[in-house]
Every structure is written in C-alpha cells, then in structure tokens.
Amino acid sequence: MKTTIPERIAIVKQELGIDEDTEFGKLCGMSKSVANQLQSGLIKSFAPRYAYKLEETTGFSARWMML
C-alpha cells in the first residue's frame, strides 16, 4: 500500500520523536509554513532539495519521501 506525503511525514516524526512542525522543517531545510502545507496536503510533492536534506540529517530515504 502506497503512503501519502502526510503519512510519511507522520512516520518520520514518530520515529524521531518530533512533535513540532518547526523541528521537522529544520531537519529538511524548510520553513514551518512549508512543513504545515505538506502535512495538510496543500503541497502535493516533496521537493528533492528537502528530501535529500532530510536524508542527510536523519537517514530516511529521500526517494521514499518523494514517492
């Protein structure tokens, strides 16, 4: 079963013990606003620059985040 971007973000946040959008955004190099929009589904794709930054800082697959 394919997961959505908001579901994948929730998985990452849960695994890392992150509650705040601001903290998730910092891991990806994005603003809190962009993090909120991704989680709410307003933005439909996870930009490569954010995905690779997340991979660099946490080890979560950039490819998986961009599915």
PDB file of N, CA and C in Angstrom:
ATOM      1  N   MET A   1       0.831  -1.185   0.000  1.00  0.00           N
ATOM      2  CA  MET A   1       0.000   0.000   0.000  1.00  0.00           C
ATOM      3  C   MET A   1       0.879   1.253   0.000  1.00  0.00           C
ATOM      4  N   LYS A   2       0.604   2.138  -0.914  1.00  0.00           N
ATOM      5  CA  LYS A   2       1.373   3.372  -1.027  1.00  0.00           C
ATOM      6  C   LYS A   2       0.911   4.375   0.031  1.00  0.00           C
ATOM      7  N   THR A   3       1.876   5.015   0.666  1.00  0.00           N
ATOM      8  CA  THR A   3       1.551   6.027   1.664  1.00  0.00           C
ATOM      9  C   THR A   3       1.573   7.409   1.026  1.00  0.00           C
ATOM     10  N   THR A   4       0.863   8.339   1.645  1.00  0.00           N
ATOM     11  CA  THR A   4       0.846   9.718   1.175  1.00  0.00           C
ATOM     12  C   THR A   4       1.985  10.490   1.834  1.00  0.00           C
ATOM     13  N   ILE A   5       2.258  11.667   1.316  1.00  0.00           N
ATOM     14  CA  ILE A   5       3.302  12.506   1.926  1.00  0.00           C
ATOM     15  C   ILE A   5       2.975  12.805   3.386  1.00  0.00           C
ATOM     16  N   PRO A   6       1.747  13.224   3.715  1.00  0.00           N
ATOM     17  CA  PRO A   6       1.446  13.462   5.136  1.00  0.00           C
ATOM     18  C   PRO A   6       1.664  12.217   6.004  1.00  0.00           C
ATOM     19  N   GLU A   7       1.349  11.036   5.479  1.00  0.00           N
ATOM     20  CA  GLU A   7       1.570   9.804   6.243  1.00  0.00           C
ATOM     21  C   GLU A   7       3.055   9.540   6.442  1.00  0.00           C
ATOM     22  N   ARG A   8       3.855   9.773   5.401  1.00  0.00           N
ATOM     23  CA  ARG A   8       5.301   9.563   5.522  1.00  0.00           C
ATOM     24  C   ARG A   8       5.919  10.556   6.499  1.00  0.00           C
ATOM     25  N   ILE A   9       5.452  11.791   6.469  1.00  0.00           N
ATOM     26  CA  ILE A   9       5.947  12.795   7.422  1.00  0.00           C
ATOM     27  C   ILE A   9       5.604  12.361   8.845  1.00  0.00           C
ATOM     28  N   ALA A  10       4.392  11.866   9.037  1.00  0.00           N
ATOM     29  CA  ALA A  10       3.985  11.400  10.371  1.00  0.00           C
ATOM     30  C   ALA A  10       4.866  10.246  10.846  1.00  0.00           C
ATOM     31  N   ILE A  11       5.227   9.344   9.936  1.00  0.00           N
ATOM     32  CA  ILE A  11       6.109   8.225  10.279  1.00  0.00           C
ATOM     33  C   ILE A  11       7.474   8.743  10.711  1.00  0.00           C
ATOM     34  N   VAL A  12       8.033   9.662   9.940  1.00  0.00           N
ATOM     35  CA  VAL A  12       9.348  10.230  10.264  1.00  0.00           C
ATOM     36  C   VAL A  12       9.297  10.915  11.621  1.00  0.00           C
ATOM     37  N   LYS A  13       8.294  11.749  11.824  1.00  0.00           N
ATOM     38  CA  LYS A  13       8.180  12.474  13.090  1.00  0.00           C
ATOM     39  C   LYS A  13       8.029  11.519  14.266  1.00  0.00           C
ATOM     40  N   GLN A  14       7.238  10.465  14.095  1.00  0.00           N
ATOM     41  CA  GLN A  14       7.050   9.489  15.161  1.00  0.00           C
ATOM     42  C   GLN A  14       8.356   8.762  15.470  1.00  0.00           C
ATOM     43  N   GLU A  15       9.048   8.320  14.429  1.00  0.00           N
ATOM     44  CA  GLU A  15      10.315   7.590  14.619  1.00  0.00           C
ATOM     45  C   GLU A  15      11.373   8.444  15.311  1.00  0.00           C
ATOM     46  N   LEU A  16      11.370   9.739  15.008  1.00  0.00           N
ATOM     47  CA  LEU A  16      12.371  10.644  15.579  1.00  0.00           C
ATOM     48  C   LEU A  16      11.908  11.298  16.876  1.00  0.00           C
ATOM     49  N   GLY A  17      10.655  11.073  17.254  1.00  0.00           N
ATOM     50  CA  GLY A  17      10.121  11.671  18.474  1.00  0.00           C
ATOM     51  C   GLY A  17       9.908  13.174  18.356  1.00  0.00           C
ATOM     52  N   ILE A  18       9.528  13.619  17.163  1.00  0.00           N
ATOM     53  CA  ILE A  18       9.332  15.045  16.899  1.00  0.00           C
ATOM     54  C   ILE A  18       7.843  15.375  16.986  1.00  0.00           C
ATOM     55  N   ASP A  19       7.526  16.434  17.706  1.00  0.00           N
ATOM     56  CA  ASP A  19       6.138  16.880  17.817  1.00  0.00           C
ATOM     57  C   ASP A  19       5.877  18.146  17.002  1.00  0.00           C
ATOM     58  N   GLU A  20       6.874  18.979  16.882  1.00  0.00           N
ATOM     59  CA  GLU A  20       6.698  20.301  16.280  1.00  0.00           C
ATOM     60  C   GLU A  20       7.034  20.318  14.790  1.00  0.00           C
ATOM     61  N   ASP A  21       6.201  21.035  14.027  1.00  0.00           N
ATOM     62  CA  ASP A  21       6.465  21.221  12.604  1.00  0.00           C
ATOM     63  C   ASP A  21       7.763  21.982  12.375  1.00  0.00           C
ATOM     64  N   THR A  22       8.053  22.912  13.272  1.00  0.00           N
ATOM     65  CA  THR A  22       9.275  23.713  13.153  1.00  0.00           C
ATOM     66  C   THR A  22      10.508  22.817  13.187  1.00  0.00           C
ATOM     67  N   GLU A  23      10.513  21.856  14.092  1.00  0.00           N
ATOM     68  CA  GLU A  23      11.659  20.954  14.222  1.00  0.00           C
ATOM     69  C   GLU A  23      11.800  20.071  12.975  1.00  0.00           C
ATOM     70  N   PHE A  24      10.684  19.564  12.472  1.00  0.00           N
ATOM     71  CA  PHE A  24      10.724  18.770  11.234  1.00  0.00           C
ATOM     72  C   PHE A  24      11.236  19.626  10.085  1.00  0.00           C
ATOM     73  N   GLY A  25      10.736  20.844   9.994  1.00  0.00           N
ATOM     74  CA  GLY A  25      11.160  21.760   8.937  1.00  0.00           C
ATOM     75  C   GLY A  25      12.656  22.013   8.958  1.00  0.00           C
ATOM     76  N   LYS A  26      13.215  22.182  10.143  1.00  0.00           N
ATOM     77  CA  LYS A  26      14.658  22.421  10.264  1.00  0.00           C
ATOM     78  C   LYS A  26      15.459  21.230   9.755  1.00  0.00           C
ATOM     79  N   LEU A  27      14.987  20.021  10.026  1.00  0.00           N
ATOM     80  CA  LEU A  27      15.684  18.826   9.547  1.00  0.00           C
ATOM     81  C   LEU A  27      15.714  18.755   8.025  1.00  0.00           C
ATOM     82  N   CYS A  28      14.693  19.339   7.394  1.00  0.00           N
ATOM     83  CA  CYS A  28      14.573  19.306   5.936  1.00  0.00           C
ATOM     84  C   CYS A  28      15.074  20.582   5.268  1.00  0.00           C
ATOM     85  N   GLY A  29      15.374  21.599   6.062  1.00  0.00           N
ATOM     86  CA  GLY A  29      15.776  22.875   5.493  1.00  0.00           C
ATOM     87  C   GLY A  29      14.599  23.667   4.944  1.00  0.00           C
ATOM     88  N   MET A  30      13.422  23.457   5.510  1.00  0.00           N
ATOM     89  CA  MET A  30      12.217  24.162   5.043  1.00  0.00           C
ATOM     90  C   MET A  30      11.611  24.973   6.176  1.00  0.00           C
ATOM     91  N   SER A  31      10.766  25.899   5.820  1.00  0.00           N
ATOM     92  CA  SER A  31      10.085  26.720   6.824  1.00  0.00           C
ATOM     93  C   SER A  31       8.948  25.927   7.470  1.00  0.00           C
ATOM     94  N   LYS A  32       8.492  26.418   8.604  1.00  0.00           N
ATOM     95  CA  LYS A  32       7.361  25.808   9.282  1.00  0.00           C
ATOM     96  C   LYS A  32       6.123  25.840   8.378  1.00  0.00           C
ATOM     97  N   SER A  33       5.981  26.910   7.617  1.00  0.00           N
ATOM     98  CA  SER A  33       4.851  27.058   6.701  1.00  0.00           C
ATOM     99  C   SER A  33       4.832  25.952   5.652  1.00  0.00           C
ATOM    100  N   VAL A  34       5.968  25.675   5.053  1.00  0.00           N
ATOM    101  CA  VAL A  34       6.053  24.609   4.042  1.00  0.00           C
ATOM    102  C   VAL A  34       5.767  23.260   4.693  1.00  0.00           C
ATOM    103  N   ALA A  35       6.313  23.033   5.876  1.00  0.00           N
ATOM    104  CA  ALA A  35       6.060  21.777   6.594  1.00  0.00           C
ATOM    105  C   ALA A  35       4.567  21.606   6.863  1.00  0.00           C
ATOM    106  N   ASN A  36       3.905  22.674   7.293  1.00  0.00           N
ATOM    107  CA  ASN A  36       2.460  22.619   7.539  1.00  0.00           C
ATOM    108  C   ASN A  36       1.695  22.301   6.263  1.00  0.00           C
ATOM    109  N   GLN A  37       2.076  22.946   5.165  1.00  0.00           N
ATOM    110  CA  GLN A  37       1.381  22.733   3.894  1.00  0.00           C
ATOM    111  C   GLN A  37       1.575  21.312   3.370  1.00  0.00           C
ATOM    112  N   LEU A  38       2.753  20.743   3.560  1.00  0.00           N
ATOM    113  CA  LEU A  38       2.994  19.358   3.159  1.00  0.00           C
ATOM    114  C   LEU A  38       2.130  18.407   3.981  1.00  0.00           C
ATOM    115  N   GLN A  39       2.078  18.646   5.283  1.00  0.00           N
ATOM    116  CA  GLN A  39       1.323  17.767   6.163  1.00  0.00           C
ATOM    117  C   GLN A  39      -0.181  17.868   5.953  1.00  0.00           C
ATOM    118  N   SER A  40      -0.642  19.028   5.535  1.00  0.00           N
ATOM    119  CA  SER A  40      -2.068  19.200   5.308  1.00  0.00           C
ATOM    120  C   SER A  40      -2.483  18.762   3.903  1.00  0.00           C
ATOM    121  N   GLY A  41      -1.509  18.486   3.042  1.00  0.00           N
ATOM    122  CA  GLY A  41      -1.805  18.046   1.692  1.00  0.00           C
ATOM    123  C   GLY A  41      -1.946  19.174   0.686  1.00  0.00           C
ATOM    124  N   LEU A  42      -1.707  20.422   1.102  1.00  0.00           N
ATOM    125  CA  LEU A  42      -1.791  21.549   0.175  1.00  0.00           C
ATOM    126  C   LEU A  42      -0.687  21.504  -0.873  1.00  0.00           C
ATOM    127  N   ILE A  43       0.483  21.035  -0.457  1.00  0.00           N
ATOM    128  CA  ILE A  43       1.590  20.814  -1.398  1.00  0.00           C
ATOM    129  C   ILE A  43       1.598  19.321  -1.696  1.00  0.00           C
ATOM    130  N   LYS A  44       1.549  18.980  -2.968  1.00  0.00           N
ATOM    131  CA  LYS A  44       1.371  17.583  -3.382  1.00  0.00           C
ATOM    132  C   LYS A  44       2.661  16.810  -3.632  1.00  0.00           C
ATOM    133  N   SER A  45       3.801  17.494  -3.651  1.00  0.00           N
ATOM    134  CA  SER A  45       5.054  16.779  -3.887  1.00  0.00           C
ATOM    135  C   SER A  45       6.124  17.267  -2.922  1.00  0.00           C
ATOM    136  N   PHE A  46       6.999  16.343  -2.545  1.00  0.00           N
ATOM    137  CA  PHE A  46       8.099  16.633  -1.630  1.00  0.00           C
ATOM    138  C   PHE A  46       9.310  16.988  -2.491  1.00  0.00           C
ATOM    139  N   ALA A  47       9.728  18.231  -2.452  1.00  0.00           N
ATOM    140  CA  ALA A  47      10.817  18.705  -3.309  1.00  0.00           C
ATOM    141  C   ALA A  47      12.122  17.959  -3.013  1.00  0.00           C
ATOM    142  N   PRO A  48      12.867  17.624  -4.059  1.00  0.00           N
ATOM    143  CA  PRO A  48      14.119  16.899  -3.869  1.00  0.00           C
ATOM    144  C   PRO A  48      15.080  17.575  -2.885  1.00  0.00           C
ATOM    145  N   ARG A  49      15.183  18.885  -2.926  1.00  0.00           N
ATOM    146  CA  ARG A  49      16.140  19.557  -2.024  1.00  0.00           C
ATOM    147  C   ARG A  49      15.790  19.292  -0.563  1.00  0.00           C
ATOM    148  N   TYR A  50      14.492  19.226  -0.242  1.00  0.00           N
ATOM    149  CA  TYR A  50      14.069  18.937   1.130  1.00  0.00           C
ATOM    150  C   TYR A  50      14.276  17.461   1.464  1.00  0.00           C
ATOM    151  N   ALA A  51      13.971  16.598   0.512  1.00  0.00           N
ATOM    152  CA  ALA A  51      14.096  15.161   0.731  1.00  0.00           C
ATOM    153  C   ALA A  51      15.558  14.765   0.967  1.00  0.00           C
ATOM    154  N   TYR A  52      16.458  15.318   0.157  1.00  0.00           N
ATOM    155  CA  TYR A  52      17.872  14.975   0.330  1.00  0.00           C
ATOM    156  C   TYR A  52      18.461  15.566   1.610  1.00  0.00           C
ATOM    157  N   LYS A  53      17.978  16.719   2.013  1.00  0.00           N
ATOM    158  CA  LYS A  53      18.417  17.299   3.286  1.00  0.00           C
ATOM    159  C   LYS A  53      17.941  16.420   4.442  1.00  0.00           C
ATOM    160  N   LEU A  54      16.696  15.938   4.369  1.00  0.00           N
ATOM    161  CA  LEU A  54      16.175  15.043   5.401  1.00  0.00           C
ATOM    162  C   LEU A  54      16.990  13.757   5.448  1.00  0.00           C
ATOM    163  N   GLU A  55      17.318  13.214   4.281  1.00  0.00           N
ATOM    164  CA  GLU A  55      18.136  12.003   4.223  1.00  0.00           C
ATOM    165  C   GLU A  55      19.504  12.241   4.856  1.00  0.00           C
ATOM    166  N   GLU A  56      20.080  13.379   4.561  1.00  0.00           N
ATOM    167  CA  GLU A  56      21.393  13.740   5.102  1.00  0.00           C
ATOM    168  C   GLU A  56      21.365  13.858   6.625  1.00  0.00           C
ATOM    169  N   THR A  57      20.306  14.440   7.159  1.00  0.00           N
ATOM    170  CA  THR A  57      20.253  14.691   8.604  1.00  0.00           C
ATOM    171  C   THR A  57      19.687  13.534   9.418  1.00  0.00           C
ATOM    172  N   THR A  58      18.885  12.656   8.775  1.00  0.00           N
ATOM    173  CA  THR A  58      18.225  11.602   9.560  1.00  0.00           C
ATOM    174  C   THR A  58      18.459  10.189   9.042  1.00  0.00           C
ATOM    175  N   GLY A  59      18.810  10.058   7.770  1.00  0.00           N
ATOM    176  CA  GLY A  59      18.976   8.730   7.190  1.00  0.00           C
ATOM    177  C   GLY A  59      17.719   8.192   6.517  1.00  0.00           C
ATOM    178  N   PHE A  60      16.583   8.883   6.647  1.00  0.00           N
ATOM    179  CA  PHE A  60      15.376   8.455   5.947  1.00  0.00           C
ATOM    180  C   PHE A  60      15.585   8.651   4.447  1.00  0.00           C
ATOM    181  N   SER A  61      15.153   7.687   3.670  1.00  0.00           N
ATOM    182  CA  SER A  61      15.370   7.694   2.227  1.00  0.00           C
ATOM    183  C   SER A  61      14.696   8.876   1.531  1.00  0.00           C
ATOM    184  N   ALA A  62      15.491   9.628   0.785  1.00  0.00           N
ATOM    185  CA  ALA A  62      14.953  10.738   0.003  1.00  0.00           C
ATOM    186  C   ALA A  62      13.984  10.211  -1.048  1.00  0.00           C
ATOM    187  N   ARG A  63      14.314   9.102  -1.652  1.00  0.00           N
ATOM    188  CA  ARG A  63      13.446   8.510  -2.681  1.00  0.00           C
ATOM    189  C   ARG A  63      12.082   8.171  -2.093  1.00  0.00           C
ATOM    190  N   TRP A  64      12.062   7.581  -0.907  1.00  0.00           N
ATOM    191  CA  TRP A  64      10.817   7.230  -0.235  1.00  0.00           C
ATOM    192  C   TRP A  64       9.983   8.480   0.057  1.00  0.00           C
ATOM    193  N   MET A  65      10.628   9.544   0.494  1.00  0.00           N
ATOM    194  CA  MET A  65       9.901  10.766   0.807  1.00  0.00           C
ATOM    195  C   MET A  65       9.279  11.389  -0.442  1.00  0.00           C
ATOM    196  N   MET A  66       9.921  11.213  -1.602  1.00  0.00           N
ATOM    197  CA  MET A  66       9.439  11.833  -2.829  1.00  0.00           C
ATOM    198  C   MET A  66       8.436  10.974  -3.602  1.00  0.00           C
ATOM    199  N   LEU A  67       8.184   9.738  -3.156  1.00  0.00           N
ATOM    200  CA  LEU A  67       7.231   8.861  -3.866  1.00  0.00           C
ATOM    201  C   LEU A  67       5.904   9.540  -4.107  1.00  0.00           C
TER     202      LEU A  67
END
